[in-house]
Amino acid sequence: MGYAHCAHDVGSTKGMKRERLRSCLSWRGGPARHDCAFVVDNDALPGFRGLAVVRIHLLFSFKHGNGIVYPCALVSWFVWSKDTPCEDTGMWIVEPHMDDQGLLVKSVVHLDCMLRAAHLIGVSGPHFIPRTLTYTDSLDAFNAFYVNKYADHHAHEIAF
């Protein structure tokens, strides 16, 4: 389990808070859990234009040099479907970033680059979602996802 430090309520005296980001093979004796998160890509750009979305596959840390611990995550990346949010929902749409071989693009990032957890909703288009689909399989079942800016007020403030 890793922690990301994210801004608390605007105007609050509490400053930063810790948010749990999880990636584990079995969550509470059930199926695997691999959270998604916002990563700061370009802090000079406003809102979602300066962020990226990742899925966390592995949390780890290592020591280097003078015993400095580097908390990191192995992540796969999502890319924007368009340059603007969806006209109907007001939410951005992302797709898994694939290489030329059709494999997920993965890399290692420092946990300090993660802003907070991200909530993705599968884009089903005109098709019905099968009743047998479970929440644990949703990130593997869809080709595109809405970045849910309505999940909470923090997401609404950053995913515009």
C-alpha atoms as a PDB file:
ATOM      1  CA  MET A   1       0.000   0.000   0.000  1.00  0.00           C
ATOM      2  CA  GLY A   2       1.317   3.441  -0.874  1.00  0.00           C
ATOM      3  CA  TYR A   3       0.382   6.936   0.107  1.00  0.00           C
ATOM      4  CA  ALA A   4      -0.008  10.051  -2.023  1.00  0.00           C
ATOM      5  CA  HIS A   5      -0.075  13.497  -0.459  1.00  0.00           C
ATOM      6  CA  CYS A   6      -2.904  15.539  -1.905  1.00  0.00           C
ATOM      7  CA  ALA A   7      -4.353  18.960  -1.297  1.00  0.00           C
ATOM      8  CA  HIS A   8      -7.025  19.047   1.390  1.00  0.00           C
ATOM      9  CA  ASP A   9     -10.032  21.363   1.244  1.00  0.00           C
ATOM     10  CA  VAL A  10      -9.278  24.709  -0.347  1.00  0.00           C
ATOM     11  CA  GLY A  11      -8.834  27.274   2.420  1.00  0.00           C
ATOM     12  CA  SER A  12      -8.402  24.581   5.056  1.00  0.00           C
ATOM     13  CA  THR A  13      -5.789  24.911   7.760  1.00  0.00           C
ATOM     14  CA  LYS A  14      -5.158  21.168   7.636  1.00  0.00           C
ATOM     15  CA  GLY A  15      -2.944  21.485   4.544  1.00  0.00           C
ATOM     16  CA  MET A  16      -2.025  18.143   3.003  1.00  0.00           C
ATOM     17  CA  LYS A  17      -3.565  14.768   3.739  1.00  0.00           C
ATOM     18  CA  ARG A  18      -2.499  11.242   2.925  1.00  0.00           C
ATOM     19  CA  GLU A  19      -4.539   9.126   0.583  1.00  0.00           C
ATOM     20  CA  ARG A  20      -4.127   5.373   0.285  1.00  0.00           C
ATOM     21  CA  LEU A  21      -3.318   3.958  -3.116  1.00  0.00           C
ATOM     22  CA  ARG A  22      -3.463   0.188  -3.357  1.00  0.00           C
ATOM     23  CA  SER A  23      -2.117  -2.521  -5.597  1.00  0.00           C
ATOM     24  CA  CYS A  24      -2.373  -6.088  -4.357  1.00  0.00           C
ATOM     25  CA  LEU A  25      -2.974  -9.571  -5.725  1.00  0.00           C
ATOM     26  CA  SER A  26      -5.809 -10.205  -3.287  1.00  0.00           C
ATOM     27  CA  TRP A  27      -7.837  -7.511  -1.548  1.00  0.00           C
ATOM     28  CA  ARG A  28      -9.294  -8.772   1.741  1.00  0.00           C
ATOM     29  CA  GLY A  29      -9.241 -12.381   0.579  1.00  0.00           C
ATOM     30  CA  GLY A  30     -10.935 -11.554  -2.740  1.00  0.00           C
ATOM     31  CA  PRO A  31      -9.765 -10.603  -6.216  1.00  0.00           C
ATOM     32  CA  ALA A  32      -6.842  -8.324  -7.022  1.00  0.00           C
ATOM     33  CA  ARG A  33      -7.045  -4.563  -6.609  1.00  0.00           C
ATOM     34  CA  HIS A  34      -5.057  -2.104  -8.722  1.00  0.00           C
ATOM     35  CA  ASP A  35      -6.048   1.513  -8.075  1.00  0.00           C
ATOM     36  CA  CYS A  36      -5.854   4.324 -10.600  1.00  0.00           C
ATOM     37  CA  ALA A  37      -4.308   7.696  -9.821  1.00  0.00           C
ATOM     38  CA  PHE A  38      -3.701  11.170 -11.201  1.00  0.00           C
ATOM     39  CA  VAL A  39      -0.023  11.846 -11.904  1.00  0.00           C
ATOM     40  CA  VAL A  40       1.313  15.373 -12.279  1.00  0.00           C
ATOM     41  CA  ASP A  41       2.611  15.526 -15.842  1.00  0.00           C
ATOM     42  CA  ASN A  42       2.997  19.297 -16.327  1.00  0.00           C
ATOM     43  CA  ASP A  43       2.201  21.543 -13.358  1.00  0.00           C
ATOM     44  CA  ALA A  44       2.265  24.630 -15.620  1.00  0.00           C
ATOM     45  CA  LEU A  45      -0.955  23.526 -17.339  1.00  0.00           C
ATOM     46  CA  PRO A  46      -4.341  23.979 -15.630  1.00  0.00           C
ATOM     47  CA  GLY A  47      -6.592  21.147 -14.508  1.00  0.00           C
ATOM     48  CA  PHE A  48      -6.564  17.828 -16.315  1.00  0.00           C
ATOM     49  CA  ARG A  49      -4.390  19.201 -19.119  1.00  0.00           C
ATOM     50  CA  GLY A  50      -1.451  19.025 -16.707  1.00  0.00           C
ATOM     51  CA  LEU A  51      -2.300  15.555 -15.393  1.00  0.00           C
ATOM     52  CA  ALA A  52      -2.078  11.981 -16.581  1.00  0.00           C
ATOM     53  CA  VAL A  53      -3.982   8.926 -15.381  1.00  0.00           C
ATOM     54  CA  VAL A  54      -2.223   5.689 -14.462  1.00  0.00           C
ATOM     55  CA  ARG A  55      -3.161   2.258 -13.176  1.00  0.00           C
ATOM     56  CA  ILE A  56      -0.926   0.996 -10.384  1.00  0.00           C
ATOM     57  CA  HIS A  57       0.339  -2.556 -10.905  1.00  0.00           C
ATOM     58  CA  LEU A  58       2.981  -2.752  -8.188  1.00  0.00           C
ATOM     59  CA  LEU A  59       4.056  -0.635  -5.230  1.00  0.00           C
ATOM     60  CA  PHE A  60       7.649  -0.989  -4.072  1.00  0.00           C
ATOM     61  CA  SER A  61      10.555   0.950  -2.638  1.00  0.00           C
ATOM     62  CA  PHE A  62      14.314   0.689  -2.736  1.00  0.00           C
ATOM     63  CA  LYS A  63      17.312   2.232  -0.988  1.00  0.00           C
ATOM     64  CA  HIS A  64      20.072   3.927  -2.928  1.00  0.00           C
ATOM     65  CA  GLY A  65      23.159   5.962  -2.112  1.00  0.00           C
ATOM     66  CA  ASN A  66      23.167   7.091   1.516  1.00  0.00           C
ATOM     67  CA  GLY A  67      20.250   4.869   2.451  1.00  0.00           C
ATOM     68  CA  ILE A  68      17.638   7.161   0.893  1.00  0.00           C
ATOM     69  CA  VAL A  69      14.370   5.272   0.387  1.00  0.00           C
ATOM     70  CA  TYR A  70      12.559   5.819  -2.916  1.00  0.00           C
ATOM     71  CA  PRO A  71       8.866   4.785  -2.819  1.00  0.00           C
ATOM     72  CA  CYS A  72       7.780   3.928  -6.358  1.00  0.00           C
ATOM     73  CA  ALA A  73       5.043   2.342  -8.419  1.00  0.00           C
ATOM     74  CA  LEU A  74       5.004   0.325 -11.622  1.00  0.00           C
ATOM     75  CA  VAL A  75       2.175   1.870 -13.626  1.00  0.00           C
ATOM     76  CA  SER A  76       0.462   1.602 -16.989  1.00  0.00           C
ATOM     77  CA  TRP A  77      -0.558   4.851 -18.639  1.00  0.00           C
ATOM     78  CA  PHE A  78      -3.788   6.164 -20.105  1.00  0.00           C
ATOM     79  CA  VAL A  79      -3.890   8.702 -22.946  1.00  0.00           C
ATOM     80  CA  TRP A  80      -6.605  11.194 -23.897  1.00  0.00           C
ATOM     81  CA  SER A  81      -9.100  10.160 -26.558  1.00  0.00           C
ATOM     82  CA  LYS A  82      -9.654  13.819 -27.527  1.00  0.00           C
ATOM     83  CA  ASP A  83      -8.252  17.248 -26.630  1.00  0.00           C
ATOM     84  CA  THR A  84     -11.463  18.273 -24.882  1.00  0.00           C
ATOM     85  CA  PRO A  85     -13.907  16.689 -22.419  1.00  0.00           C
ATOM     86  CA  CYS A  86     -16.972  14.797 -23.680  1.00  0.00           C
ATOM     87  CA  GLU A  87     -19.700  17.260 -24.680  1.00  0.00           C
ATOM     88  CA  ASP A  88     -22.465  15.119 -23.134  1.00  0.00           C
ATOM     89  CA  THR A  89     -20.896  14.353 -19.740  1.00  0.00           C
ATOM     90  CA  GLY A  90     -18.256  17.052 -19.259  1.00  0.00           C
ATOM     91  CA  MET A  91     -15.763  14.296 -18.377  1.00  0.00           C
ATOM     92  CA  TRP A  92     -12.462  13.572 -20.107  1.00  0.00           C
ATOM     93  CA  ILE A  93     -12.146  10.226 -21.905  1.00  0.00           C
ATOM     94  CA  VAL A  94      -8.932   8.211 -21.699  1.00  0.00           C
ATOM     95  CA  GLU A  95      -7.743   4.974 -23.273  1.00  0.00           C
ATOM     96  CA  PRO A  96      -4.996   2.576 -22.210  1.00  0.00           C
ATOM     97  CA  HIS A  97      -1.704   3.610 -23.850  1.00  0.00           C
ATOM     98  CA  MET A  98      -0.509   0.754 -26.039  1.00  0.00           C
ATOM     99  CA  ASP A  99       2.815   0.324 -27.823  1.00  0.00           C
ATOM    100  CA  ASP A 100       3.250  -0.841 -31.440  1.00  0.00           C
ATOM    101  CA  GLN A 101       2.991  -4.479 -30.288  1.00  0.00           C
ATOM    102  CA  GLY A 102      -0.392  -3.875 -28.614  1.00  0.00           C
ATOM    103  CA  LEU A 103       1.079  -4.096 -25.099  1.00  0.00           C
ATOM    104  CA  LEU A 104       0.408  -1.639 -22.281  1.00  0.00           C
ATOM    105  CA  VAL A 105       3.015   1.086 -21.919  1.00  0.00           C
ATOM    106  CA  LYS A 106       4.425   0.751 -18.387  1.00  0.00           C
ATOM    107  CA  SER A 107       6.998   2.664 -16.400  1.00  0.00           C
ATOM    108  CA  VAL A 108       8.168   3.306 -12.862  1.00  0.00           C
ATOM    109  CA  VAL A 109       7.177   6.582 -11.164  1.00  0.00           C
ATOM    110  CA  HIS A 110       8.012   8.034  -7.761  1.00  0.00           C
ATOM    111  CA  LEU A 111       5.003   8.214  -5.419  1.00  0.00           C
ATOM    112  CA  ASP A 112       5.586  11.962  -4.980  1.00  0.00           C
ATOM    113  CA  CYS A 113       4.414  12.380  -8.600  1.00  0.00           C
ATOM    114  CA  MET A 114       0.979  11.004  -7.722  1.00  0.00           C
ATOM    115  CA  LEU A 115      -1.587  13.619  -6.828  1.00  0.00           C
ATOM    116  CA  ARG A 116      -4.534  11.500  -5.679  1.00  0.00           C
ATOM    117  CA  ALA A 117      -6.680   8.492  -6.605  1.00  0.00           C
ATOM    118  CA  ALA A 118      -8.621   8.641  -9.869  1.00  0.00           C
ATOM    119  CA  HIS A 119     -12.008   7.044 -10.547  1.00  0.00           C
ATOM    120  CA  LEU A 120     -12.591   5.692 -14.061  1.00  0.00           C
ATOM    121  CA  ILE A 121     -15.950   4.684 -15.566  1.00  0.00           C
ATOM    122  CA  GLY A 122     -16.024   2.399 -18.606  1.00  0.00           C
ATOM    123  CA  VAL A 123     -17.397   3.886 -21.840  1.00  0.00           C
ATOM    124  CA  SER A 124     -19.856   1.330 -23.149  1.00  0.00           C
ATOM    125  CA  GLY A 125     -21.245   3.386 -26.030  1.00  0.00           C
ATOM    126  CA  PRO A 126     -24.606   2.142 -27.312  1.00  0.00           C
ATOM    127  CA  HIS A 127     -24.006  -1.368 -25.956  1.00  0.00           C
ATOM    128  CA  PHE A 128     -25.410  -2.828 -22.761  1.00  0.00           C
ATOM    129  CA  ILE A 129     -22.973  -3.837 -20.055  1.00  0.00           C
ATOM    130  CA  PRO A 130     -23.165  -7.589 -19.326  1.00  0.00           C
ATOM    131  CA  ARG A 131     -24.757  -8.447 -15.987  1.00  0.00           C
ATOM    132  CA  THR A 132     -21.860 -10.798 -15.291  1.00  0.00           C
ATOM    133  CA  LEU A 133     -19.265  -7.992 -15.392  1.00  0.00           C
ATOM    134  CA  THR A 134     -17.864  -7.292 -11.940  1.00  0.00           C
ATOM    135  CA  TYR A 135     -16.170  -4.137 -10.724  1.00  0.00           C
ATOM    136  CA  THR A 136     -12.904  -6.045 -10.390  1.00  0.00           C
ATOM    137  CA  ASP A 137     -12.812  -6.694 -14.153  1.00  0.00           C
ATOM    138  CA  SER A 138     -14.014  -3.295 -15.370  1.00  0.00           C
ATOM    139  CA  LEU A 139     -10.561  -1.832 -16.096  1.00  0.00           C
ATOM    140  CA  ASP A 140      -9.845  -4.801 -18.368  1.00  0.00           C
ATOM    141  CA  ALA A 141     -13.281  -4.946 -20.018  1.00  0.00           C
ATOM    142  CA  PHE A 142     -13.477  -1.499 -21.676  1.00  0.00           C
ATOM    143  CA  ASN A 143     -11.393   0.201 -24.354  1.00  0.00           C
ATOM    144  CA  ALA A 144     -12.066   3.723 -23.077  1.00  0.00           C
ATOM    145  CA  PHE A 145     -12.953   5.332 -19.741  1.00  0.00           C
ATOM    146  CA  TYR A 146     -14.526   8.508 -18.437  1.00  0.00           C
ATOM    147  CA  VAL A 147     -12.358  10.259 -15.849  1.00  0.00           C
ATOM    148  CA  ASN A 148     -14.995  10.785 -13.177  1.00  0.00           C
ATOM    149  CA  LYS A 149     -14.705  14.369 -11.987  1.00  0.00           C
ATOM    150  CA  TYR A 150     -17.943  13.947 -10.032  1.00  0.00           C
ATOM    151  CA  ALA A 151     -16.532  11.272  -7.681  1.00  0.00           C
ATOM    152  CA  ASP A 152     -15.836  13.906  -5.006  1.00  0.00           C
ATOM    153  CA  HIS A 153     -15.117  17.607  -4.728  1.00  0.00           C
ATOM    154  CA  HIS A 154     -11.358  17.092  -4.948  1.00  0.00           C
ATOM    155  CA  ALA A 155     -11.660  15.366  -8.316  1.00  0.00           C
ATOM    156  CA  HIS A 156     -14.060  18.051  -9.501  1.00  0.00           C
ATOM    157  CA  GLU A 157     -11.490  20.721  -8.669  1.00  0.00           C
ATOM    158  CA  ILE A 158      -8.643  19.112 -10.625  1.00  0.00           C
ATOM    159  CA  ALA A 159     -10.261  17.232 -13.554  1.00  0.00           C
ATOM    160  CA  PHE A 160     -11.797  20.234 -15.322  1.00  0.00           C
END
